[in-house]
PDB file of N, CA and C in Angstrom:
ATOM      1  N   MET A   1     107.444 122.131  95.761  1.00  0.00           N
ATOM      2  CA  MET A   1     107.879 120.786  96.039  1.00  0.00           C
ATOM      3  C   MET A   1     106.672 119.858  95.973  1.00  0.00           C
ATOM      4  N   ILE A   2     106.805 118.746  95.250  1.00  0.00           N
ATOM      5  CA  ILE A   2     105.733 117.779  95.122  1.00  0.00           C
ATOM      6  C   ILE A   2     105.924 116.698  96.176  1.00  0.00           C
ATOM      7  N   LEU A   3     104.878 116.469  96.970  1.00  0.00           N
ATOM      8  CA  LEU A   3     104.937 115.444  97.999  1.00  0.00           C
ATOM      9  C   LEU A   3     104.404 114.128  97.456  1.00  0.00           C
ATOM     10  N   THR A   4     105.080 113.054  97.769  1.00  0.00           N
ATOM     11  CA  THR A   4     104.603 111.730  97.384  1.00  0.00           C
ATOM     12  C   THR A   4     103.464 111.349  98.322  1.00  0.00           C
ATOM     13  N   PRO A   5     102.309 110.988  97.772  1.00  0.00           N
ATOM     14  CA  PRO A   5     101.184 110.604  98.632  1.00  0.00           C
ATOM     15  C   PRO A   5     101.529 109.398  99.508  1.00  0.00           C
ATOM     16  N   THR A   6     101.022 109.429 100.732  1.00  0.00           N
ATOM     17  CA  THR A   6     101.225 108.337 101.674  1.00  0.00           C
ATOM     18  C   THR A   6      99.899 107.611 101.880  1.00  0.00           C
ATOM     19  N   ILE A   7      99.928 106.314 101.606  1.00  0.00           N
ATOM     20  CA  ILE A   7      98.748 105.476 101.712  1.00  0.00           C
ATOM     21  C   ILE A   7      98.892 104.587 102.935  1.00  0.00           C
ATOM     22  N   ALA A   8      97.861 104.526 103.757  1.00  0.00           N
ATOM     23  CA  ALA A   8      97.834 103.608 104.896  1.00  0.00           C
ATOM     24  C   ALA A   8      97.050 102.370 104.495  1.00  0.00           C
ATOM     25  N   VAL A   9      97.562 101.210 104.887  1.00  0.00           N
ATOM     26  CA  VAL A   9      96.876  99.938 104.640  1.00  0.00           C
ATOM     27  C   VAL A   9      96.611  99.289 105.991  1.00  0.00           C
ATOM     28  N   VAL A  10      95.345  98.941 106.230  1.00  0.00           N
ATOM     29  CA  VAL A  10      94.966  98.278 107.476  1.00  0.00           C
ATOM     30  C   VAL A  10      94.314  96.944 107.128  1.00  0.00           C
ATOM     31  N   ASP A  11      94.976  95.863 107.538  1.00  0.00           N
ATOM     32  CA  ASP A  11      94.446  94.518 107.302  1.00  0.00           C
ATOM     33  C   ASP A  11      95.097  93.587 108.307  1.00  0.00           C
ATOM     34  N   ASP A  12      94.316  92.728 108.939  1.00  0.00           N
ATOM     35  CA  ASP A  12      94.885  91.816 109.927  1.00  0.00           C
ATOM     36  C   ASP A  12      95.609  90.628 109.294  1.00  0.00           C
ATOM     37  N   ASP A  13      95.583  90.551 107.968  1.00  0.00           N
ATOM     38  CA  ASP A  13      96.354  89.544 107.238  1.00  0.00           C
ATOM     39  C   ASP A  13      97.661  90.194 106.804  1.00  0.00           C
ATOM     40  N   VAL A  14      98.750  89.828 107.482  1.00  0.00           N
ATOM     41  CA  VAL A  14     100.046  90.460 107.247  1.00  0.00           C
ATOM     42  C   VAL A  14     100.515  90.270 105.801  1.00  0.00           C
ATOM     43  N   SER A  15     100.168  89.135 105.191  1.00  0.00           N
ATOM     44  CA  SER A  15     100.586  88.907 103.805  1.00  0.00           C
ATOM     45  C   SER A  15      99.895  89.878 102.851  1.00  0.00           C
ATOM     46  N   ILE A  16      98.660  90.236 103.131  1.00  0.00           N
ATOM     47  CA  ILE A  16      97.945  91.235 102.318  1.00  0.00           C
ATOM     48  C   ILE A  16      98.619  92.594 102.487  1.00  0.00           C
ATOM     49  N   CYS A  17      98.935  92.952 103.721  1.00  0.00           N
ATOM     50  CA  CYS A  17      99.620  94.228 103.975  1.00  0.00           C
ATOM     51  C   CYS A  17     100.923  94.296 103.199  1.00  0.00           C
ATOM     52  N   LYS A  18     101.701  93.231 103.253  1.00  0.00           N
ATOM     53  CA  LYS A  18     103.000  93.208 102.582  1.00  0.00           C
ATOM     54  C   LYS A  18     102.836  93.324 101.070  1.00  0.00           C
ATOM     55  N   ALA A  19     101.897  92.560 100.508  1.00  0.00           N
ATOM     56  CA  ALA A  19     101.672  92.591  99.062  1.00  0.00           C
ATOM     57  C   ALA A  19     101.211  93.975  98.606  1.00  0.00           C
ATOM     58  N   LEU A  20     100.295  94.583  99.349  1.00  0.00           N
ATOM     59  CA  LEU A  20      99.817  95.926  98.975  1.00  0.00           C
ATOM     60  C   LEU A  20     100.920  96.959  99.135  1.00  0.00           C
ATOM     61  N   ALA A  21     101.729  96.837 100.166  1.00  0.00           N
ATOM     62  CA  ALA A  21     102.839  97.782 100.355  1.00  0.00           C
ATOM     63  C   ALA A  21     103.806  97.716  99.179  1.00  0.00           C
ATOM     64  N   GLU A  22     104.120  96.500  98.735  1.00  0.00           N
ATOM     65  CA  GLU A  22     105.018  96.349  97.591  1.00  0.00           C
ATOM     66  C   GLU A  22     104.399  96.939  96.329  1.00  0.00           C
ATOM     67  N   LEU A  23     103.114  96.672  96.106  1.00  0.00           N
ATOM     68  CA  LEU A  23     102.429  97.225  94.940  1.00  0.00           C
ATOM     69  C   LEU A  23     102.421  98.751  94.990  1.00  0.00           C
ATOM     70  N   LEU A  24     102.080  99.317  96.123  1.00  0.00           N
ATOM     71  CA  LEU A  24     101.995 100.776  96.244  1.00  0.00           C
ATOM     72  C   LEU A  24     103.355 101.432  96.020  1.00  0.00           C
ATOM     73  N   GLU A  25     104.411 100.798  96.486  1.00  0.00           N
ATOM     74  CA  GLU A  25     105.743 101.348  96.266  1.00  0.00           C
ATOM     75  C   GLU A  25     106.108 101.309  94.783  1.00  0.00           C
ATOM     76  N   VAL A  26     105.730 100.242  94.086  1.00  0.00           N
ATOM     77  CA  VAL A  26     105.963 100.157  92.638  1.00  0.00           C
ATOM     78  C   VAL A  26     105.193 101.266  91.917  1.00  0.00           C
ATOM     79  N   LEU A  27     104.014 101.608  92.456  1.00  0.00           N
ATOM     80  CA  LEU A  27     103.189 102.664  91.865  1.00  0.00           C
ATOM     81  C   LEU A  27     103.631 104.058  92.314  1.00  0.00           C
ATOM     82  N   ASP A  28     104.761 104.151  93.003  1.00  0.00           N
ATOM     83  CA  ASP A  28     105.359 105.412  93.457  1.00  0.00           C
ATOM     84  C   ASP A  28     104.582 106.118  94.569  1.00  0.00           C
ATOM     85  N   PHE A  29     103.976 105.344  95.451  1.00  0.00           N
ATOM     86  CA  PHE A  29     103.353 105.891  96.649  1.00  0.00           C
ATOM     87  C   PHE A  29     104.178 105.470  97.856  1.00  0.00           C
ATOM     88  N   LYS A  30     104.124 106.275  98.903  1.00  0.00           N
ATOM     89  CA  LYS A  30     104.647 105.845 100.191  1.00  0.00           C
ATOM     90  C   LYS A  30     103.543 105.010 100.829  1.00  0.00           C
ATOM     91  N   CYS A  31     103.934 104.068 101.654  1.00  0.00           N
ATOM     92  CA  CYS A  31     102.938 103.202 102.275  1.00  0.00           C
ATOM     93  C   CYS A  31     103.334 102.882 103.702  1.00  0.00           C
ATOM     94  N   GLN A  32     102.345 102.850 104.570  1.00  0.00           N
ATOM     95  CA  GLN A  32     102.552 102.383 105.932  1.00  0.00           C
ATOM     96  C   GLN A  32     101.446 101.381 106.226  1.00  0.00           C
ATOM     97  N   THR A  33     101.822 100.214 106.750  1.00  0.00           N
ATOM     98  CA  THR A  33     100.841  99.165 107.007  1.00  0.00           C
ATOM     99  C   THR A  33     100.577  99.005 108.504  1.00  0.00           C
ATOM    100  N   PHE A  34      99.369  98.540 108.787  1.00  0.00           N
ATOM    101  CA  PHE A  34      98.930  98.304 110.164  1.00  0.00           C
ATOM    102  C   PHE A  34      98.151  97.007 110.185  1.00  0.00           C
ATOM    103  N   ASP A  35      98.472  96.124 111.141  1.00  0.00           N
ATOM    104  CA  ASP A  35      97.771  94.848 111.207  1.00  0.00           C
ATOM    105  C   ASP A  35      96.529  94.892 112.096  1.00  0.00           C
ATOM    106  N   ARG A  36      96.263  96.058 112.670  1.00  0.00           N
ATOM    107  CA  ARG A  36      95.050  96.237 113.488  1.00  0.00           C
ATOM    108  C   ARG A  36      94.569  97.675 113.349  1.00  0.00           C
ATOM    109  N   PRO A  37      93.259  97.875 113.280  1.00  0.00           N
ATOM    110  CA  PRO A  37      92.724  99.238 113.187  1.00  0.00           C
ATOM    111  C   PRO A  37      93.157 100.117 114.359  1.00  0.00           C
ATOM    112  N   GLU A  38      93.266  99.518 115.534  1.00  0.00           N
ATOM    113  CA  GLU A  38      93.646 100.291 116.720  1.00  0.00           C
ATOM    114  C   GLU A  38      95.058 100.874 116.572  1.00  0.00           C
ATOM    115  N   LYS A  39      95.952 100.120 115.948  1.00  0.00           N
ATOM    116  CA  LYS A  39      97.312 100.620 115.722  1.00  0.00           C
ATOM    117  C   LYS A  39      97.289 101.787 114.737  1.00  0.00           C
ATOM    118  N   PHE A  40      96.441 101.672 113.717  1.00  0.00           N
ATOM    119  CA  PHE A  40      96.317 102.765 112.767  1.00  0.00           C
ATOM    120  C   PHE A  40      95.795 104.018 113.465  1.00  0.00           C
ATOM    121  N   LEU A  41      94.746 103.874 114.262  1.00  0.00           N
ATOM    122  CA  LEU A  41      94.170 105.034 114.961  1.00  0.00           C
ATOM    123  C   LEU A  41      95.192 105.679 115.891  1.00  0.00           C
ATOM    124  N   ALA A  42      96.015 104.877 116.541  1.00  0.00           N
ATOM    125  CA  ALA A  42      97.036 105.421 117.445  1.00  0.00           C
ATOM    126  C   ALA A  42      98.086 106.218 116.678  1.00  0.00           C
ATOM    127  N   ALA A  43      98.353 105.833 115.419  1.00  0.00           N
ATOM    128  CA  ALA A  43      99.382 106.502 114.614  1.00  0.00           C
ATOM    129  C   ALA A  43      98.822 107.591 113.724  1.00  0.00           C
ATOM    130  N   SER A  44      97.520 107.640 113.605  1.00  0.00           N
ATOM    131  CA  SER A  44      96.887 108.556 112.650  1.00  0.00           C
ATOM    132  C   SER A  44      96.701 109.943 113.235  1.00  0.00           C
ATOM    133  N   ILE A  45      97.306 110.880 112.560  1.00  0.00           N
ATOM    134  CA  ILE A  45      97.138 112.291 112.881  1.00  0.00           C
ATOM    135  C   ILE A  45      96.486 112.898 111.645  1.00  0.00           C
ATOM    136  N   SER A  46      95.516 113.744 111.832  1.00  0.00           N
ATOM    137  CA  SER A  46      94.828 114.344 110.691  1.00  0.00           C
ATOM    138  C   SER A  46      95.835 114.916 109.702  1.00  0.00           C
ATOM    139  N   GLY A  47      95.720 114.493 108.440  1.00  0.00           N
ATOM    140  CA  GLY A  47      96.618 114.974 107.405  1.00  0.00           C
ATOM    141  C   GLY A  47      97.862 114.135 107.197  1.00  0.00           C
ATOM    142  N   ARG A  48      98.105 113.149 108.066  1.00  0.00           N
ATOM    143  CA  ARG A  48      99.323 112.320 107.935  1.00  0.00           C
ATOM    144  C   ARG A  48      99.246 111.394 106.726  1.00  0.00           C
ATOM    145  N   PHE A  49      98.058 110.873 106.457  1.00  0.00           N
ATOM    146  CA  PHE A  49      97.868 109.961 105.341  1.00  0.00           C
ATOM    147  C   PHE A  49      96.972 110.605 104.297  1.00  0.00           C
ATOM    148  N   ASP A  50      97.214 110.245 103.038  1.00  0.00           N
ATOM    149  CA  ASP A  50      96.424 110.803 101.941  1.00  0.00           C
ATOM    150  C   ASP A  50      95.273 109.905 101.536  1.00  0.00           C
ATOM    151  N   CYS A  51      95.340 108.642 101.925  1.00  0.00           N
ATOM    152  CA  CYS A  51      94.309 107.673 101.576  1.00  0.00           C
ATOM    153  C   CYS A  51      94.457 106.480 102.511  1.00  0.00           C
ATOM    154  N   LEU A  52      93.345 105.810 102.784  1.00  0.00           N
ATOM    155  CA  LEU A  52      93.342 104.606 103.608  1.00  0.00           C
ATOM    156  C   LEU A  52      92.728 103.472 102.808  1.00  0.00           C
ATOM    157  N   ILE A  53      93.427 102.341 102.788  1.00  0.00           N
ATOM    158  CA  ILE A  53      92.889 101.109 102.224  1.00  0.00           C
ATOM    159  C   ILE A  53      92.702 100.165 103.404  1.00  0.00           C
ATOM    160  N   THR A  54      91.478  99.705 103.630  1.00  0.00           N
ATOM    161  CA  THR A  54      91.226  98.854 104.786  1.00  0.00           C
ATOM    162  C   THR A  54      90.359  97.659 104.446  1.00  0.00           C
ATOM    163  N   ASP A  55      90.617  96.584 105.160  1.00  0.00           N
ATOM    164  CA  ASP A  55      89.790  95.397 105.054  1.00  0.00           C
ATOM    165  C   ASP A  55      88.471  95.673 105.778  1.00  0.00           C
ATOM    166  N   LEU A  56      87.443  94.972 105.369  1.00  0.00           N
ATOM    167  CA  LEU A  56      86.148  95.111 106.031  1.00  0.00           C
ATOM    168  C   LEU A  56      86.116  94.307 107.318  1.00  0.00           C
ATOM    169  N   ASN A  57      86.492  93.040 107.240  1.00  0.00           N
ATOM    170  CA  ASN A  57      86.392  92.136 108.382  1.00  0.00           C
ATOM    171  C   ASN A  57      87.753  91.893 109.000  1.00  0.00           C
ATOM    172  N   MET A  58      87.905  92.391 110.231  1.00  0.00           N
ATOM    173  CA  MET A  58      89.148  92.200 110.968  1.00  0.00           C
ATOM    174  C   MET A  58      88.801  91.826 112.396  1.00  0.00           C
ATOM    175  N   LYS A  59      89.761  91.221 113.075  1.00  0.00           N
ATOM    176  CA  LYS A  59      89.555  90.889 114.482  1.00  0.00           C
ATOM    177  C   LYS A  59      89.430  92.181 115.275  1.00  0.00           C
ATOM    178  N   GLY A  60      88.535  92.194 116.227  1.00  0.00           N
ATOM    179  CA  GLY A  60      88.336  93.397 117.020  1.00  0.00           C
ATOM    180  C   GLY A  60      87.435  94.379 116.297  1.00  0.00           C
ATOM    181  N   MET A  61      87.995  95.430 115.795  1.00  0.00           N
ATOM    182  CA  MET A  61      87.247  96.492 115.126  1.00  0.00           C
ATOM    183  C   MET A  61      87.093  96.180 113.634  1.00  0.00           C
ATOM    184  N   THR A  62      85.888  96.381 113.108  1.00  0.00           N
ATOM    185  CA  THR A  62      85.673  96.179 111.670  1.00  0.00           C
ATOM    186  C   THR A  62      86.086  97.427 110.895  1.00  0.00           C
ATOM    187  N   GLY A  63      86.193  97.286 109.595  1.00  0.00           N
ATOM    188  CA  GLY A  63      86.489  98.436 108.750  1.00  0.00           C
ATOM    189  C   GLY A  63      85.421  99.511 108.846  1.00  0.00           C
ATOM    190  N   LEU A  64      84.158  99.090 108.986  1.00  0.00           N
ATOM    191  CA  LEU A  64      83.072 100.073 109.115  1.00  0.00           C
ATOM    192  C   LEU A  64      83.188 100.852 110.424  1.00  0.00           C
ATOM    193  N   GLU A  65      83.567 100.164 111.493  1.00  0.00           N
ATOM    194  CA  GLU A  65      83.770 100.854 112.771  1.00  0.00           C
ATOM    195  C   GLU A  65      84.942 101.830 112.671  1.00  0.00           C
ATOM    196  N   LEU A  66      85.984 101.418 111.975  1.00  0.00           N
ATOM    197  CA  LEU A  66      87.132 102.307 111.750  1.00  0.00           C
ATOM    198  C   LEU A  66      86.693 103.538 110.969  1.00  0.00           C
ATOM    199  N   GLN A  67      85.895 103.341 109.931  1.00  0.00           N
ATOM    200  CA  GLN A  67      85.387 104.458 109.132  1.00  0.00           C
ATOM    201  C   GLN A  67      84.592 105.424 110.010  1.00  0.00           C
ATOM    202  N   GLN A  68      83.768 104.909 110.895  1.00  0.00           N
ATOM    203  CA  GLN A  68      82.971 105.769 111.771  1.00  0.00           C
ATOM    204  C   GLN A  68      83.857 106.568 112.714  1.00  0.00           C
ATOM    205  N   LYS A  69      84.896 105.941 113.263  1.00  0.00           N
ATOM    206  CA  LYS A  69      85.813 106.671 114.153  1.00  0.00           C
ATOM    207  C   LYS A  69      86.559 107.764 113.391  1.00  0.00           C
ATOM    208  N   LEU A  70      86.926 107.482 112.150  1.00  0.00           N
ATOM    209  CA  LEU A  70      87.655 108.464 111.350  1.00  0.00           C
ATOM    210  C   LEU A  70      86.775 109.616 110.893  1.00  0.00           C
ATOM    211  N   SER A  71      85.471 109.417 110.867  1.00  0.00           N
ATOM    212  CA  SER A  71      84.580 110.490 110.415  1.00  0.00           C
ATOM    213  C   SER A  71      84.691 111.722 111.300  1.00  0.00           C
ATOM    214  N   ALA A  72      85.068 111.534 112.553  1.00  0.00           N
ATOM    215  CA  ALA A  72      85.274 112.665 113.452  1.00  0.00           C
ATOM    216  C   ALA A  72      86.733 113.112 113.465  1.00  0.00           C
ATOM    217  N   ALA A  73      87.654 112.150 113.468  1.00  0.00           N
ATOM    218  CA  ALA A  73      89.079 112.468 113.606  1.00  0.00           C
ATOM    219  C   ALA A  73      89.698 113.026 112.328  1.00  0.00           C
ATOM    220  N   ASP A  74      89.333 112.483 111.171  1.00  0.00           N
ATOM    221  CA  ASP A  74      89.912 112.907 109.892  1.00  0.00           C
ATOM    222  C   ASP A  74      88.858 112.713 108.801  1.00  0.00           C
ATOM    223  N   PRO A  75      87.830 113.559 108.802  1.00  0.00           N
ATOM    224  CA  PRO A  75      86.689 113.348 107.893  1.00  0.00           C
ATOM    225  C   PRO A  75      87.035 113.452 106.409  1.00  0.00           C
ATOM    226  N   ASP A  76      88.148 114.070 106.064  1.00  0.00           N
ATOM    227  CA  ASP A  76      88.518 114.224 104.661  1.00  0.00           C
ATOM    228  C   ASP A  76      89.363 113.061 104.130  1.00  0.00           C
ATOM    229  N   LEU A  77      89.726 112.118 104.991  1.00  0.00           N
ATOM    230  CA  LEU A  77      90.567 111.008 104.567  1.00  0.00           C
ATOM    231  C   LEU A  77      89.762 110.062 103.668  1.00  0.00           C
ATOM    232  N   PRO A  78      90.163 109.923 102.401  1.00  0.00           N
ATOM    233  CA  PRO A  78      89.462 108.995 101.509  1.00  0.00           C
ATOM    234  C   PRO A  78      89.736 107.549 101.919  1.00  0.00           C
ATOM    235  N   ILE A  79      88.692 106.723 101.885  1.00  0.00           N
ATOM    236  CA  ILE A  79      88.807 105.331 102.306  1.00  0.00           C
ATOM    237  C   ILE A  79      88.402 104.406 101.166  1.00  0.00           C
ATOM    238  N   ILE A  80      89.242 103.401 100.932  1.00  0.00           N
ATOM    239  CA  ILE A  80      88.944 102.338  99.980  1.00  0.00           C
ATOM    240  C   ILE A  80      88.822 101.056 100.793  1.00  0.00           C
ATOM    241  N   PHE A  81      87.669 100.412 100.688  1.00  0.00           N
ATOM    242  CA  PHE A  81      87.450  99.145 101.387  1.00  0.00           C
ATOM    243  C   PHE A  81      87.790  97.981 100.483  1.00  0.00           C
ATOM    244  N   MET A  82      88.174  96.870 101.111  1.00  0.00           N
ATOM    245  CA  MET A  82      88.361  95.622 100.381  1.00  0.00           C
ATOM    246  C   MET A  82      87.842  94.495 101.270  1.00  0.00           C
ATOM    247  N   SER A  83      87.331  93.455 100.612  1.00  0.00           N
ATOM    248  CA  SER A  83      86.796  92.327 101.363  1.00  0.00           C
ATOM    249  C   SER A  83      86.827  91.071 100.514  1.00  0.00           C
ATOM    250  N   ALA A  84      87.065  89.940 101.167  1.00  0.00           N
ATOM    251  CA  ALA A  84      87.043  88.652 100.481  1.00  0.00           C
ATOM    252  C   ALA A  84      85.612  88.134 100.361  1.00  0.00           C
ATOM    253  N   GLN A  85      84.709  88.701 101.150  1.00  0.00           N
ATOM    254  CA  GLN A  85      83.314  88.266 101.136  1.00  0.00           C
ATOM    255  C   GLN A  85      82.453  89.356 100.526  1.00  0.00           C
ATOM    256  N   SER A  86      81.486  88.922  99.729  1.00  0.00           N
ATOM    257  CA  SER A  86      80.581  89.924  99.178  1.00  0.00           C
ATOM    258  C   SER A  86      79.547  90.234 100.245  1.00  0.00           C
ATOM    259  N   ALA A  87      79.554  91.438 100.685  1.00  0.00           N
ATOM    260  CA  ALA A  87      78.653  91.879 101.749  1.00  0.00           C
ATOM    261  C   ALA A  87      77.910  93.109 101.254  1.00  0.00           C
ATOM    262  N   ALA A  88      76.788  92.868 100.581  1.00  0.00           N
ATOM    263  CA  ALA A  88      76.048  93.969  99.960  1.00  0.00           C
ATOM    264  C   ALA A  88      75.653  95.044 100.964  1.00  0.00           C
ATOM    265  N   GLU A  89      75.200  94.642 102.130  1.00  0.00           N
ATOM    266  CA  GLU A  89      74.786  95.602 103.165  1.00  0.00           C
ATOM    267  C   GLU A  89      75.977  96.446 103.620  1.00  0.00           C
ATOM    268  N   ALA A  90      77.109  95.793 103.878  1.00  0.00           N
ATOM    269  CA  ALA A  90      78.310  96.511 104.319  1.00  0.00           C
ATOM    270  C   ALA A  90      78.823  97.429 103.220  1.00  0.00           C
ATOM    271  N   LYS A  91      78.814  96.938 101.990  1.00  0.00           N
ATOM    272  CA  LYS A  91      79.261  97.762 100.860  1.00  0.00           C
ATOM    273  C   LYS A  91      78.397  99.005 100.737  1.00  0.00           C
ATOM    274  N   SER A  92      77.099  98.813 100.823  1.00  0.00           N
ATOM    275  CA  SER A  92      76.162  99.929 100.733  1.00  0.00           C
ATOM    276  C   SER A  92      76.416 100.944 101.852  1.00  0.00           C
ATOM    277  N   GLN A  93      76.611 100.441 103.073  1.00  0.00           N
ATOM    278  CA  GLN A  93      76.845 101.335 104.205  1.00  0.00           C
ATOM    279  C   GLN A  93      78.161 102.092 104.050  1.00  0.00           C
ATOM    280  N   ALA A  94      79.222 101.395 103.646  1.00  0.00           N
ATOM    281  CA  ALA A  94      80.526 102.042 103.486  1.00  0.00           C
ATOM    282  C   ALA A  94      80.463 103.158 102.446  1.00  0.00           C
ATOM    283  N   LEU A  95      79.840 102.876 101.321  1.00  0.00           N
ATOM    284  CA  LEU A  95      79.738 103.883 100.252  1.00  0.00           C
ATOM    285  C   LEU A  95      78.831 105.030 100.668  1.00  0.00           C
ATOM    286  N   ARG A  96      77.755 104.724 101.377  1.00  0.00           N
ATOM    287  CA  ARG A  96      76.849 105.765 101.861  1.00  0.00           C
ATOM    288  C   ARG A  96      77.559 106.717 102.829  1.00  0.00           C
ATOM    289  N   LEU A  97      78.507 106.159 103.613  1.00  0.00           N
ATOM    290  CA  LEU A  97      79.251 106.969 104.581  1.00  0.00           C
ATOM    291  C   LEU A  97      80.474 107.649 103.962  1.00  0.00           C
ATOM    292  N   GLY A  98      80.635 107.505 102.631  1.00  0.00           N
ATOM    293  CA  GLY A  98      81.666 108.288 101.955  1.00  0.00           C
ATOM    294  C   GLY A  98      82.867 107.540 101.430  1.00  0.00           C
ATOM    295  N   ALA A  99      82.878 106.216 101.521  1.00  0.00           N
ATOM    296  CA  ALA A  99      84.012 105.468 100.973  1.00  0.00           C
ATOM    297  C   ALA A  99      84.125 105.728  99.476  1.00  0.00           C
ATOM    298  N   VAL A 100      85.346 105.763  98.996  1.00  0.00           N
ATOM    299  CA  VAL A 100      85.619 105.989  97.576  1.00  0.00           C
ATOM    300  C   VAL A 100      85.266 104.746  96.763  1.00  0.00           C
ATOM    301  N   ALA A 101      85.573 103.573  97.332  1.00  0.00           N
ATOM    302  CA  ALA A 101      85.331 102.321  96.607  1.00  0.00           C
ATOM    303  C   ALA A 101      85.239 101.169  97.596  1.00  0.00           C
ATOM    304  N   PHE A 102      84.654 100.071  97.112  1.00  0.00           N
ATOM    305  CA  PHE A 102      84.557  98.839  97.881  1.00  0.00           C
ATOM    306  C   PHE A 102      84.948  97.723  96.920  1.00  0.00           C
ATOM    307  N   LEU A 103      86.150  97.176  97.086  1.00  0.00           N
ATOM    308  CA  LEU A 103      86.706  96.211  96.144  1.00  0.00           C
ATOM    309  C   LEU A 103      86.694  94.797  96.716  1.00  0.00           C
ATOM    310  N   SER A 104      86.531  93.831  95.835  1.00  0.00           N
ATOM    311  CA  SER A 104      86.565  92.424  96.230  1.00  0.00           C
ATOM    312  C   SER A 104      87.981  91.883  96.112  1.00  0.00           C
ATOM    313  N   LYS A 105      88.372  91.083  97.110  1.00  0.00           N
ATOM    314  CA  LYS A 105      89.659  90.404  97.058  1.00  0.00           C
ATOM    315  C   LYS A 105      89.507  89.175  96.181  1.00  0.00           C
ATOM    316  N   PRO A 106      90.486  88.796  95.407  1.00  0.00           N
ATOM    317  CA  PRO A 106      91.773  89.462  95.260  1.00  0.00           C
ATOM    318  C   PRO A 106      91.619  90.761  94.470  1.00  0.00           C
ATOM    319  N   ILE A 107      92.411  91.733  94.837  1.00  0.00           N
ATOM    320  CA  ILE A 107      92.335  93.072  94.262  1.00  0.00           C
ATOM    321  C   ILE A 107      93.047  93.116  92.913  1.00  0.00           C
ATOM    322  N   ASN A 108      92.388  93.695  91.933  1.00  0.00           N
ATOM    323  CA  ASN A 108      93.009  93.936  90.630  1.00  0.00           C
ATOM    324  C   ASN A 108      93.881  95.186  90.764  1.00  0.00           C
ATOM    325  N   ASP A 109      95.171  95.065  90.424  1.00  0.00           N
ATOM    326  CA  ASP A 109      96.124  96.172  90.596  1.00  0.00           C
ATOM    327  C   ASP A 109      95.691  97.446  89.870  1.00  0.00           C
ATOM    328  N   ASP A 110      95.254  97.298  88.621  1.00  0.00           N
ATOM    329  CA  ASP A 110      94.864  98.477  87.834  1.00  0.00           C
ATOM    330  C   ASP A 110      93.621  99.151  88.406  1.00  0.00           C
ATOM    331  N   VAL A 111      92.662  98.351  88.835  1.00  0.00           N
ATOM    332  CA  VAL A 111      91.432  98.902  89.426  1.00  0.00           C
ATOM    333  C   VAL A 111      91.774  99.643  90.718  1.00  0.00           C
ATOM    334  N   LEU A 112      92.611  99.037  91.556  1.00  0.00           N
ATOM    335  CA  LEU A 112      93.023  99.698  92.798  1.00  0.00           C
ATOM    336  C   LEU A 112      93.730 101.010  92.494  1.00  0.00           C
ATOM    337  N   HIS A 113      94.649 101.002  91.534  1.00  0.00           N
ATOM    338  CA  HIS A 113      95.378 102.215  91.182  1.00  0.00           C
ATOM    339  C   HIS A 113      94.420 103.323  90.746  1.00  0.00           C
ATOM    340  N   ARG A 114      93.445 102.994  89.912  1.00  0.00           N
ATOM    341  CA  ARG A 114      92.462 104.005  89.473  1.00  0.00           C
ATOM    342  C   ARG A 114      91.693 104.580  90.658  1.00  0.00           C
ATOM    343  N   HIS A 115      91.307 103.722  91.599  1.00  0.00           N
ATOM    344  CA  HIS A 115      90.558 104.213  92.762  1.00  0.00           C
ATOM    345  C   HIS A 115      91.433 105.062  93.686  1.00  0.00           C
ATOM    346  N   ILE A 116      92.697 104.728  93.802  1.00  0.00           N
ATOM    347  CA  ILE A 116      93.611 105.555  94.611  1.00  0.00           C
ATOM    348  C   ILE A 116      93.741 106.936  93.988  1.00  0.00           C
ATOM    349  N   ILE A 117      93.937 106.988  92.678  1.00  0.00           N
ATOM    350  CA  ILE A 117      94.047 108.285  91.998  1.00  0.00           C
ATOM    351  C   ILE A 117      92.769 109.088  92.207  1.00  0.00           C
ATOM    352  N   SER A 118      91.628 108.438  92.078  1.00  0.00           N
ATOM    353  CA  SER A 118      90.341 109.112  92.316  1.00  0.00           C
ATOM    354  C   SER A 118      90.251 109.622  93.753  1.00  0.00           C
ATOM    355  N   ALA A 119      90.674 108.791  94.704  1.00  0.00           N
ATOM    356  CA  ALA A 119      90.646 109.185  96.118  1.00  0.00           C
ATOM    357  C   ALA A 119      91.535 110.386  96.374  1.00  0.00           C
ATOM    358  N   LEU A 120      92.725 110.368  95.794  1.00  0.00           N
ATOM    359  CA  LEU A 120      93.653 111.484  95.994  1.00  0.00           C
ATOM    360  C   LEU A 120      93.103 112.767  95.380  1.00  0.00           C
ATOM    361  N   ASN A 121      92.407 112.647  94.260  1.00  0.00           N
ATOM    362  CA  ASN A 121      91.803 113.820  93.629  1.00  0.00           C
ATOM    363  C   ASN A 121      90.628 114.356  94.440  1.00  0.00           C
ATOM    364  N   ARG A 122      89.990 113.499  95.228  1.00  0.00           N
ATOM    365  CA  ARG A 122      88.850 113.914  96.054  1.00  0.00           C
ATOM    366  C   ARG A 122      89.267 114.576  97.356  1.00  0.00           C
ATOM    367  N   ARG A 123      90.482 114.333  97.768  1.00  0.00           N
ATOM    368  CA  ARG A 123      90.952 114.890  99.043  1.00  0.00           C
ATOM    369  C   ARG A 123      90.731 116.394  99.014  1.00  0.00           C
ATOM    370  N   SER A 124      89.982 116.894  99.938  1.00  0.00           N
ATOM    371  CA  SER A 124      89.530 118.278  99.859  1.00  0.00           C
ATOM    372  C   SER A 124      90.570 119.322 100.262  1.00  0.00           C
ATOM    373  N   ARG A 125      91.603 118.902 100.944  1.00  0.00           N
ATOM    374  CA  ARG A 125      92.624 119.881 101.330  1.00  0.00           C
ATOM    375  C   ARG A 125      94.005 119.287 101.114  1.00  0.00           C
ATOM    376  N   PRO A 126      94.966 120.122 100.762  1.00  0.00           N
ATOM    377  CA  PRO A 126      96.323 119.619 100.534  1.00  0.00           C
ATOM    378  C   PRO A 126      96.959 119.143 101.839  1.00  0.00           C
ATOM    379  N   ARG A 127      97.822 118.148 101.691  1.00  0.00           N
ATOM    380  CA  ARG A 127      98.567 117.629 102.836  1.00  0.00           C
ATOM    381  C   ARG A 127      99.592 118.626 103.311  1.00  0.00           C
ATOM    382  N   GLU A 128      99.755 118.686 104.605  1.00  0.00           N
ATOM    383  CA  GLU A 128     100.775 119.569 105.179  1.00  0.00           C
ATOM    384  C   GLU A 128     102.119 118.859 105.127  1.00  0.00           C
ATOM    385  N   PRO A 129     103.190 119.589 104.799  1.00  0.00           N
ATOM    386  CA  PRO A 129     104.519 118.944 104.737  1.00  0.00           C
ATOM    387  C   PRO A 129     104.990 118.473 106.094  1.00  0.00           C
TER     388      PRO A 129
END
């Protein structure tokens, strides 16, 4: 049985979450959105999601802080960052800590799709049903 990958989207801009959810569904992925990193962490069980797409700058916890928390809870979860601001230091840190990609908003659909496929191929262990 082939499982449809489930992508989590974390962004405090609800319109971004909605747009990405619609795009991911068109691309034949399951998607669950979260408007706060804390909500994602509360719902995240190791292996539940196949990839995470997160904003860098959010109210409360930043995307980098979320990445650090996930390094212990779900170290194999591939992360794709996105940001409206070019932050060379943050981009460097995110990639150094294992992020698959760091994309600038607005996101190009084809570029995002390629990075998701790459992230899913990097996932070191199969998802549990």
